[in-house]
Amino acid sequence: MPASDHPTPVPDLGTYVAEDTTEGTPRLGKVTAWDGELVHLEPPGGGAPWSAAPAGLRRPSERERALIRVLTRPVTATRSAARAPRTFPEPPVVLSVEPVPPAVPAPGCATCALAAERERRQLRDRDHSAAADSRIEMRGHPHGRP
């Protein structure tokens, strides 16, 4: 029997193999099934499974085995029971219940006058967020010449 007639050995189920790709980065996978023609593989750590011919598979190198160990080892949470809860030395912030006074427009500035009118209308409509935006617009409006 010629050497070309020997069937390619199929890796055992559950073992990890590497498949060289045209991009240069090998694909690593765990053998999950063999249907007589193709080997079915799953990437370590999860992902989309794929199928490959047994002739295109090889044993992973030492570096690839190290990567497989990293990808398949579960991460455990370490929690120190002796760690005290975080506390904050500052007293709590107390917000005022008094409303913010309306902004005062710059004398002679039409843009500020328009923003002040808009703020009064928004406060009348109880839209305090929009009123705050109008105050900020008035405060940030340039009044000097550039």
Protein backbone atom coordinates (compact mmCIF):
# COMPACT_ATOMS: atom_id res chain seq x y z
CA MET A 1 0.00 0.00 0.00
CA PRO A 2 1.53 3.38 -1.01
CA ALA A 3 2.16 6.04 1.65
CA SER A 4 -0.51 8.31 0.13
CA ASP A 5 -3.18 5.66 0.80
CA HIS A 6 -2.70 5.83 4.59
CA PRO A 7 -5.55 7.74 6.17
CA THR A 8 -4.69 10.88 8.11
CA PRO A 9 -4.94 10.21 11.86
CA VAL A 10 -7.84 11.95 13.54
CA PRO A 11 -7.15 13.67 16.88
CA ASP A 12 -8.97 12.33 19.93
CA LEU A 13 -12.18 13.99 21.07
CA GLY A 14 -11.56 16.73 23.63
CA THR A 15 -7.97 17.45 22.56
CA TYR A 16 -6.82 20.84 21.34
CA VAL A 17 -5.32 21.25 17.88
CA ALA A 18 -4.06 24.08 15.71
CA GLU A 19 -5.03 24.82 12.12
CA ASP A 20 -2.71 27.05 10.09
CA THR A 21 -4.51 29.79 8.15
CA THR A 22 -3.61 31.94 5.18
CA GLU A 23 -3.53 35.03 7.44
CA GLY A 24 -0.59 33.55 9.36
CA THR A 25 -2.37 33.30 12.70
CA PRO A 26 -3.28 29.70 13.51
CA ARG A 27 -6.78 28.86 14.71
CA LEU A 28 -6.86 26.91 17.94
CA GLY A 29 -9.72 24.54 18.62
CA LYS A 30 -11.00 21.69 20.74
CA VAL A 31 -12.08 18.57 18.84
CA THR A 32 -15.80 18.08 19.51
CA ALA A 33 -16.79 15.59 16.78
CA TRP A 34 -15.67 13.75 13.68
CA ASP A 35 -18.13 12.80 10.97
CA GLY A 36 -15.79 10.51 9.02
CA GLU A 37 -14.60 13.32 6.73
CA LEU A 38 -14.27 16.53 8.76
CA VAL A 39 -13.20 17.28 12.31
CA HIS A 40 -15.51 19.70 14.14
CA LEU A 41 -13.78 22.22 16.42
CA GLU A 42 -14.69 24.86 19.00
CA PRO A 43 -12.37 27.76 19.89
CA PRO A 44 -11.01 27.74 23.45
CA GLY A 45 -12.93 30.13 25.65
CA GLY A 46 -15.98 30.13 23.34
CA GLY A 47 -16.89 31.37 19.91
CA ALA A 48 -18.22 30.08 16.62
CA PRO A 49 -17.41 26.42 15.89
CA TRP A 50 -15.91 25.38 12.54
CA SER A 51 -14.95 22.26 10.65
CA ALA A 52 -11.59 21.29 9.14
CA ALA A 53 -10.00 18.41 7.30
CA PRO A 54 -7.82 16.24 9.57
CA ALA A 55 -4.86 16.72 7.22
CA GLY A 56 -4.82 20.48 7.97
CA LEU A 57 -4.57 20.04 11.74
CA ARG A 58 -1.46 19.80 13.88
CA ARG A 59 -0.50 19.65 17.53
CA PRO A 60 -0.31 23.11 19.14
CA SER A 61 3.11 24.54 19.93
CA GLU A 62 4.14 25.26 23.52
CA ARG A 63 3.19 28.92 23.11
CA GLU A 64 -0.21 27.96 21.66
CA ARG A 65 -0.79 25.51 24.54
CA ALA A 66 -0.07 28.32 27.00
CA LEU A 67 -2.66 30.51 25.23
CA ILE A 68 -5.20 27.68 25.37
CA ARG A 69 -4.60 27.34 29.13
CA VAL A 70 -5.21 31.07 29.59
CA LEU A 71 -8.39 31.03 27.52
CA THR A 72 -9.89 27.97 29.20
CA ARG A 73 -8.96 28.56 32.84
CA PRO A 74 -11.89 30.05 34.79
CA VAL A 75 -11.35 33.35 36.55
CA THR A 76 -12.15 33.21 40.24
CA ALA A 77 -13.12 36.23 42.23
CA THR A 78 -10.92 36.97 45.19
CA ARG A 79 -12.63 38.75 47.99
CA SER A 80 -10.97 39.64 51.22
CA ALA A 81 -13.31 39.12 54.15
CA ALA A 82 -11.15 41.33 56.38
CA ARG A 83 -11.49 44.42 54.19
CA ALA A 84 -13.51 47.14 55.89
CA PRO A 85 -16.27 48.90 53.97
CA ARG A 86 -15.40 52.23 52.37
CA THR A 87 -16.48 55.27 54.32
CA PHE A 88 -16.29 58.91 53.43
CA PRO A 89 -15.16 61.45 56.05
CA GLU A 90 -17.05 64.40 54.57
CA PRO A 91 -20.57 65.19 55.76
CA PRO A 92 -23.37 64.76 53.22
CA VAL A 93 -24.15 67.59 50.82
CA VAL A 94 -27.38 69.41 51.65
CA LEU A 95 -29.04 71.06 48.71
CA SER A 96 -30.99 74.27 49.12
CA VAL A 97 -34.73 74.22 48.69
CA GLU A 98 -34.68 77.86 47.61
CA PRO A 99 -34.97 78.33 43.84
CA VAL A 100 -32.01 79.71 41.95
CA PRO A 101 -32.53 83.42 41.27
CA PRO A 102 -33.08 84.28 37.61
CA ALA A 103 -30.08 85.50 35.66
CA VAL A 104 -29.70 89.21 35.01
CA PRO A 105 -29.11 90.12 31.35
CA ALA A 106 -26.24 92.40 30.43
CA PRO A 107 -27.49 95.94 29.77
CA GLY A 108 -28.10 96.58 26.07
CA CYS A 109 -27.46 92.96 24.95
CA ALA A 110 -30.33 91.66 22.80
CA THR A 111 -29.15 88.04 23.04
CA CYS A 112 -29.10 88.15 26.85
CA ALA A 113 -32.51 89.85 26.94
CA LEU A 114 -33.94 87.10 24.72
CA ALA A 115 -32.39 84.37 26.91
CA ALA A 116 -33.77 86.05 30.07
CA GLU A 117 -37.27 86.17 28.56
CA ARG A 118 -36.98 82.52 27.53
CA GLU A 119 -35.86 81.62 31.08
CA ARG A 120 -38.87 83.40 32.63
CA ARG A 121 -41.23 81.55 30.27
CA GLN A 122 -39.56 78.18 31.08
CA LEU A 123 -39.82 78.84 34.82
CA ARG A 124 -43.51 79.70 34.38
CA ASP A 125 -43.92 76.34 32.57
CA ARG A 126 -41.95 74.62 35.40
CA ASP A 127 -39.26 73.45 32.95
CA HIS A 128 -36.35 74.03 35.34
CA SER A 129 -33.83 72.12 33.23
CA ALA A 130 -34.43 74.34 30.19
CA ALA A 131 -34.38 77.44 32.44
CA ALA A 132 -30.96 76.40 33.73
CA ASP A 133 -29.79 76.03 30.12
CA SER A 134 -30.97 79.58 29.39
CA ARG A 135 -29.08 80.90 32.45
CA ILE A 136 -25.92 79.12 31.31
CA GLU A 137 -26.34 80.53 27.80
CA MET A 138 -26.68 84.05 29.22
CA ARG A 139 -23.69 83.59 31.53
CA GLY A 140 -21.47 82.26 28.73
CA HIS A 141 -22.50 84.84 26.12
CA PRO A 142 -19.51 87.09 25.17
CA HIS A 143 -20.14 90.82 25.59
CA GLY A 144 -16.80 92.29 24.66
CA ARG A 145 -15.38 92.76 21.17
CA PRO A 146 -13.22 89.92 19.88
